[in-house]
Amino acid sequence: MRRIHLFISVLWVLTVAGCEEKEQASNQENQGGGAAQTYWTSSGVVLAGSNGSASGAYVERLEVEVVAGVSMPTEGYHRVRAKIKRGYDLYAGRDVKFLPMMYGHDHPVHSCPVEQPNGPSEDGYYYGAVFFMRPNMPNHHWKIHVIIGERDTTTFVLDVAQHPWNGVRPGDDFTPIDSFSYFYEVVPLKSTDGFKDAVFLIYRRDRNQPVVQPSAFLPANNITQIDLQARIPNTGHSVGSGIHTATPTSGRPGRFTAKKVFDKAGFWELILTCKEGETVVLRDTLHLIIGS
């Protein structure tokens, strides 16, 4: 069999909540306005080799360079990119996918939402994104499978920490006939005049799909509106009337934006009501620290 030499470089992107973020220029990143801005950062290199693959296809030699964030990723939404070389040439096929998987005692437990690359970008990278639903736990850890075509070429272990202020939240169903449960992340972003917007990334689980498949986790595009109240507890402070509405972000299913929610640093409380038409499908209250 012809000798195959693949070089895969994966850079993880950390979304930083509560501070201004630096945008990396990329055609694929900038699609879908209103997205949370991110910055690329990396440290640490791990080299690995493989004599086979999970699908049984033989790989004579595989070299993998894994580059992770300076701080380990936390629960929530993270962009990812990979540059693949076959020999000295960049790979440019449209069949590259990322498959994240939580393992318990080295057995698959569940996957999570994934945005797959749509072929390589002009800079040669394959861009995607992953939404980690929970952190690593004892004997439980995340792995990322890098798949080219139908071949599982390699995997690498990734440490995922708990969100710093529990900003990734599960949501319970309101009615027994609803076949989905919800989970979401809140990302404060600077807007104008010193205010900060609130961006919500909401996903739902399809209980008719096995949880080891990314298809079991969908953007919550059934939700049409999020009503929220934001205040600083024990002071009564809020912005304007204290009532805000988060509406869907065009071109980004499951992403909602509420404008000018926060006007000062401090410990804030958010009370959320998520609606599908006139039906309430999720309510929650969370607390978060807004930086200056």
Protein backbone atom coordinates (compact mmCIF):
# COMPACT_ATOMS: atom_id res chain seq x y z
CA MET A 1 0.00 0.00 0.00
CA ARG A 2 1.25 3.48 -0.86
CA ARG A 3 2.93 5.17 2.06
CA ILE A 4 0.82 7.94 3.57
CA HIS A 5 2.31 10.81 5.52
CA LEU A 6 -0.18 13.20 7.06
CA PHE A 7 0.69 16.23 9.14
CA ILE A 8 -2.22 17.70 11.06
CA SER A 9 -1.93 20.90 13.06
CA VAL A 10 -4.93 21.78 15.21
CA LEU A 11 -5.17 25.19 16.89
CA TRP A 12 -7.84 25.58 19.53
CA VAL A 13 -9.53 28.91 19.96
CA LEU A 14 -10.71 30.13 23.33
CA THR A 15 -13.70 32.45 23.53
CA VAL A 16 -12.95 34.93 26.31
CA ALA A 17 -16.03 36.12 28.21
CA GLY A 18 -16.21 39.55 29.78
CA CYS A 19 -13.33 41.18 27.92
CA GLU A 20 -12.67 42.60 24.49
CA GLU A 21 -11.38 39.98 22.06
CA LYS A 22 -9.12 40.22 19.08
CA GLU A 23 -10.45 38.98 15.73
CA GLN A 24 -8.32 36.81 13.47
CA ALA A 25 -8.90 37.66 9.81
CA SER A 26 -10.40 34.74 7.93
CA ASN A 27 -13.14 34.55 5.34
CA GLN A 28 -14.75 31.59 7.05
CA GLU A 29 -14.58 33.12 10.53
CA ASN A 30 -16.26 36.33 9.49
CA GLN A 31 -19.30 34.69 7.94
CA GLY A 32 -22.52 35.26 9.87
CA GLY A 33 -22.33 38.68 11.51
CA GLY A 34 -22.86 38.98 15.21
CA ALA A 35 -20.64 36.03 16.05
CA ALA A 36 -18.63 36.17 19.23
CA GLN A 37 -15.15 37.39 18.37
CA THR A 38 -12.24 35.13 19.20
CA TYR A 39 -8.49 35.13 18.99
CA TRP A 40 -6.09 32.37 18.00
CA THR A 41 -3.52 31.29 20.54
CA SER A 42 -1.40 28.20 21.01
CA SER A 43 1.22 26.46 23.09
CA GLY A 44 2.61 22.98 23.53
CA VAL A 45 3.30 20.37 20.88
CA VAL A 46 2.67 16.64 21.12
CA LEU A 47 3.89 14.27 18.43
CA ALA A 48 2.23 10.90 17.99
CA GLY A 49 2.34 8.00 15.56
CA SER A 50 -0.15 5.37 14.49
CA ASN A 51 -0.08 2.06 12.67
CA GLY A 52 -3.82 1.82 12.13
CA SER A 53 -7.15 3.55 12.47
CA ALA A 54 -10.50 3.01 14.14
CA SER A 55 -12.11 2.17 10.79
CA GLY A 56 -9.56 -0.53 10.06
CA ALA A 57 -7.92 1.30 7.15
CA TYR A 58 -4.16 0.85 7.39
CA VAL A 59 -2.03 3.96 7.88
CA GLU A 60 1.65 3.12 7.57
CA ARG A 61 2.89 6.31 9.19
CA LEU A 62 0.98 9.12 10.78
CA GLU A 63 2.53 12.16 12.44
CA VAL A 64 0.26 14.47 14.37
CA GLU A 65 1.07 17.82 15.91
CA VAL A 66 -1.53 18.94 18.45
CA VAL A 67 -1.43 22.58 19.51
CA ALA A 68 -3.76 23.54 22.36
CA GLY A 69 -4.64 26.84 23.99
CA VAL A 70 -2.39 28.65 26.44
CA SER A 71 -5.14 28.09 29.01
CA MET A 72 -7.03 24.86 28.69
CA PRO A 73 -10.42 25.18 26.97
CA THR A 74 -13.48 25.40 29.16
CA GLU A 75 -17.00 24.19 28.59
CA GLY A 76 -18.74 26.04 25.80
CA TYR A 77 -18.13 27.13 22.23
CA HIS A 78 -14.63 26.95 20.79
CA ARG A 79 -13.43 27.39 17.24
CA VAL A 80 -10.94 24.91 15.84
CA ARG A 81 -8.83 24.82 12.72
CA ALA A 82 -6.60 22.21 11.12
CA LYS A 83 -4.00 22.35 8.35
CA ILE A 84 -3.27 19.01 6.74
CA LYS A 85 -0.26 18.05 4.66
CA ARG A 86 0.26 14.92 2.61
CA GLY A 87 3.99 14.81 2.18
CA TYR A 88 4.98 18.40 1.35
CA ASP A 89 1.65 19.31 -0.22
CA LEU A 90 -1.36 20.84 1.50
CA TYR A 91 -4.39 18.61 1.47
CA ALA A 92 -7.36 20.37 -0.17
CA GLY A 93 -10.13 17.77 -0.15
CA ARG A 94 -13.62 18.59 1.10
CA ASP A 95 -13.92 15.48 3.26
CA VAL A 96 -12.29 16.63 6.54
CA LYS A 97 -14.40 16.41 9.70
CA PHE A 98 -13.95 16.78 13.45
CA LEU A 99 -15.58 14.28 15.80
CA PRO A 100 -15.37 15.25 19.51
CA MET A 101 -16.19 12.51 21.97
CA MET A 102 -16.36 12.25 25.75
CA TYR A 103 -14.84 8.97 26.92
CA GLY A 104 -15.41 7.25 30.25
CA HIS A 105 -12.86 4.58 31.12
CA ASP A 106 -11.86 4.71 27.42
CA HIS A 107 -15.39 3.93 26.22
CA PRO A 108 -17.43 6.46 24.19
CA VAL A 109 -20.04 8.22 26.34
CA HIS A 110 -21.38 11.07 24.22
CA SER A 111 -20.46 13.56 21.52
CA CYS A 112 -21.46 17.25 21.39
CA PRO A 113 -22.48 19.96 18.89
CA VAL A 114 -20.04 20.42 16.02
CA GLU A 115 -19.75 22.92 13.18
CA GLN A 116 -17.93 21.09 10.40
CA PRO A 117 -15.51 22.71 7.94
CA ASN A 118 -16.76 23.34 4.44
CA GLY A 119 -13.52 22.53 2.70
CA PRO A 120 -10.28 24.47 3.18
CA SER A 121 -10.22 28.26 3.46
CA GLU A 122 -7.97 30.50 1.40
CA ASP A 123 -5.30 30.27 4.08
CA GLY A 124 -5.25 26.46 3.80
CA TYR A 125 -6.96 25.79 7.14
CA TYR A 126 -10.10 23.79 7.74
CA TYR A 127 -12.25 25.80 10.18
CA GLY A 128 -14.87 24.32 12.45
CA ALA A 129 -16.21 24.68 15.98
CA VAL A 130 -17.09 22.50 18.95
CA PHE A 131 -19.42 23.14 21.90
CA PHE A 132 -18.20 21.21 24.95
CA MET A 133 -21.19 20.42 27.18
CA ARG A 134 -19.25 19.41 30.28
CA PRO A 135 -15.69 19.42 31.60
CA ASN A 136 -13.32 16.51 32.08
CA MET A 137 -14.07 14.44 35.18
CA PRO A 138 -12.25 11.61 36.94
CA ASN A 139 -11.84 8.79 34.41
CA HIS A 140 -13.75 10.90 31.84
CA HIS A 141 -12.01 12.96 29.18
CA TRP A 142 -12.55 14.48 25.75
CA LYS A 143 -10.93 13.24 22.57
CA ILE A 144 -11.04 14.83 19.13
CA HIS A 145 -11.08 12.51 16.13
CA VAL A 146 -9.71 14.02 12.92
CA ILE A 147 -11.45 12.28 10.02
CA ILE A 148 -10.50 12.44 6.34
CA GLY A 149 -13.07 10.78 4.12
CA GLU A 150 -14.37 7.79 6.03
CA ARG A 151 -11.03 7.13 7.69
CA ASP A 152 -10.52 7.98 11.35
CA THR A 153 -6.95 9.10 10.90
CA THR A 154 -6.05 10.00 14.48
CA THR A 155 -7.34 11.13 17.85
CA PHE A 156 -5.91 13.32 20.58
CA VAL A 157 -6.86 13.90 24.19
CA LEU A 158 -7.98 17.40 25.15
CA ASP A 159 -8.33 18.77 28.68
CA VAL A 160 -11.56 20.73 29.12
CA ALA A 161 -12.09 22.69 32.35
CA GLN A 162 -15.30 23.82 34.01
CA HIS A 163 -16.62 27.18 32.84
CA PRO A 164 -15.21 29.85 35.20
CA TRP A 165 -18.65 31.04 36.35
CA ASN A 166 -20.83 28.09 35.33
CA GLY A 167 -21.82 29.95 32.18
CA VAL A 168 -22.60 26.71 30.34
CA ARG A 169 -25.95 25.54 31.60
CA PRO A 170 -28.27 22.57 31.09
CA GLY A 171 -31.97 23.25 30.63
CA ASP A 172 -34.82 20.92 31.63
CA ASP A 173 -37.88 20.21 29.54
CA PHE A 174 -41.18 21.89 30.36
CA THR A 175 -43.50 19.26 28.90
CA PRO A 176 -43.18 15.46 28.65
CA ILE A 177 -44.09 15.56 24.96
CA ASP A 178 -41.00 17.62 24.19
CA SER A 179 -38.32 15.21 22.96
CA PHE A 180 -35.45 17.66 23.46
CA SER A 181 -33.51 19.06 26.37
CA TYR A 182 -31.56 22.31 26.11
CA PHE A 183 -28.14 23.58 27.11
CA TYR A 184 -26.58 26.96 26.43
CA GLU A 185 -23.76 29.43 26.99
CA VAL A 186 -23.89 33.18 27.68
CA VAL A 187 -21.08 35.35 26.25
CA PRO A 188 -20.95 39.07 27.18
CA LEU A 189 -19.55 41.21 24.37
CA LYS A 190 -18.62 44.88 24.24
CA SER A 191 -20.94 46.94 22.09
CA THR A 192 -21.02 50.74 22.00
CA ASP A 193 -20.96 53.58 24.53
CA GLY A 194 -19.55 51.34 27.25
CA PHE A 195 -22.44 48.89 27.15
CA LYS A 196 -22.12 45.13 26.67
CA ASP A 197 -24.37 42.87 24.66
CA ALA A 198 -25.33 39.36 25.69
CA VAL A 199 -24.88 36.57 23.15
CA PHE A 200 -26.61 33.24 23.77
CA LEU A 201 -25.60 29.98 22.09
CA ILE A 202 -28.39 27.45 22.61
CA TYR A 203 -28.53 23.80 21.57
CA ARG A 204 -31.07 21.03 22.00
CA ARG A 205 -30.69 17.26 22.25
CA ASP A 206 -32.67 14.94 20.03
CA ARG A 207 -33.42 11.92 22.19
CA ASN A 208 -34.23 9.89 19.08
CA GLN A 209 -30.54 9.96 18.10
CA PRO A 210 -27.71 8.09 19.86
CA VAL A 211 -25.69 10.49 21.98
CA VAL A 212 -22.41 9.27 20.50
CA GLN A 213 -23.43 10.96 17.23
CA PRO A 214 -23.05 14.74 16.75
CA SER A 215 -26.42 14.63 14.95
CA ALA A 216 -28.03 14.18 18.38
CA PHE A 217 -27.12 17.78 19.25
CA LEU A 218 -28.73 20.53 17.19
CA PRO A 219 -28.81 24.33 17.22
CA ALA A 220 -32.02 25.37 18.99
CA ASN A 221 -33.51 27.07 15.94
CA ASN A 222 -36.96 26.15 17.23
CA ILE A 223 -36.56 28.92 19.83
CA THR A 224 -37.79 32.19 18.39
CA GLN A 225 -37.15 34.64 21.22
CA ILE A 226 -35.44 34.98 24.58
CA ASP A 227 -36.80 37.45 27.14
CA LEU A 228 -34.38 38.37 29.91
CA GLN A 229 -34.07 40.53 32.96
CA ALA A 230 -30.59 41.62 33.99
CA ARG A 231 -29.91 43.23 37.36
CA ILE A 232 -27.33 43.53 40.09
CA PRO A 233 -28.85 41.74 43.11
CA ASN A 234 -29.50 43.67 46.33
CA THR A 235 -29.19 46.98 44.50
CA GLY A 236 -32.01 46.83 41.99
CA HIS A 237 -29.67 48.25 39.35
CA SER A 238 -30.55 47.41 35.75
CA VAL A 239 -30.23 49.01 32.32
CA GLY A 240 -33.33 50.93 31.23
CA SER A 241 -36.46 49.02 32.18
CA GLY A 242 -34.42 45.91 32.91
CA ILE A 243 -36.37 43.95 30.27
CA HIS A 244 -34.45 42.86 27.16
CA THR A 245 -35.16 40.64 24.18
CA ALA A 246 -32.59 38.43 22.50
CA THR A 247 -33.40 37.73 18.87
CA PRO A 248 -31.89 35.19 16.44
CA THR A 249 -28.64 36.20 14.78
CA SER A 250 -28.97 36.01 11.00
CA GLY A 251 -27.09 33.11 9.47
CA ARG A 252 -26.16 31.56 12.83
CA PRO A 253 -28.77 28.98 13.94
CA GLY A 254 -29.11 28.73 17.70
CA ARG A 255 -27.36 32.08 18.32
CA PHE A 256 -29.25 35.02 19.87
CA THR A 257 -28.16 38.56 20.68
CA ALA A 258 -29.58 41.06 23.17
CA LYS A 259 -28.29 44.62 22.87
CA LYS A 260 -26.97 46.83 25.70
CA VAL A 261 -27.75 44.47 28.57
CA PHE A 262 -24.90 45.47 30.92
CA ASP A 263 -23.63 48.98 31.63
CA LYS A 264 -21.11 48.46 34.44
CA ALA A 265 -18.80 45.92 36.00
CA GLY A 266 -20.19 43.78 38.79
CA PHE A 267 -22.03 40.66 39.84
CA TRP A 268 -25.13 40.35 37.67
CA GLU A 269 -28.17 38.12 37.73
CA LEU A 270 -29.91 36.98 34.52
CA ILE A 271 -33.45 35.59 34.46
CA LEU A 272 -34.18 33.94 31.11
CA THR A 273 -37.40 32.87 29.43
CA CYS A 274 -36.95 31.05 26.11
CA LYS A 275 -39.97 30.78 23.83
CA GLU A 276 -41.02 28.73 20.85
CA GLY A 277 -43.68 31.02 19.48
CA GLU A 278 -45.82 31.74 22.52
CA THR A 279 -44.80 28.53 24.32
CA VAL A 280 -42.15 28.74 27.05
CA VAL A 281 -39.68 25.88 26.60
CA LEU A 282 -36.98 26.92 29.05
CA ARG A 283 -36.55 29.14 32.09
CA ASP A 284 -33.38 29.65 34.05
CA THR A 285 -31.61 32.04 36.42
CA LEU A 286 -27.85 32.41 36.43
CA HIS A 287 -25.24 34.74 37.88
CA LEU A 288 -22.20 36.08 36.11
CA ILE A 289 -19.39 38.51 36.73
CA ILE A 290 -19.08 41.32 34.18
CA GLY A 291 -15.64 42.89 33.91
CA SER A 292 -14.89 46.49 33.16
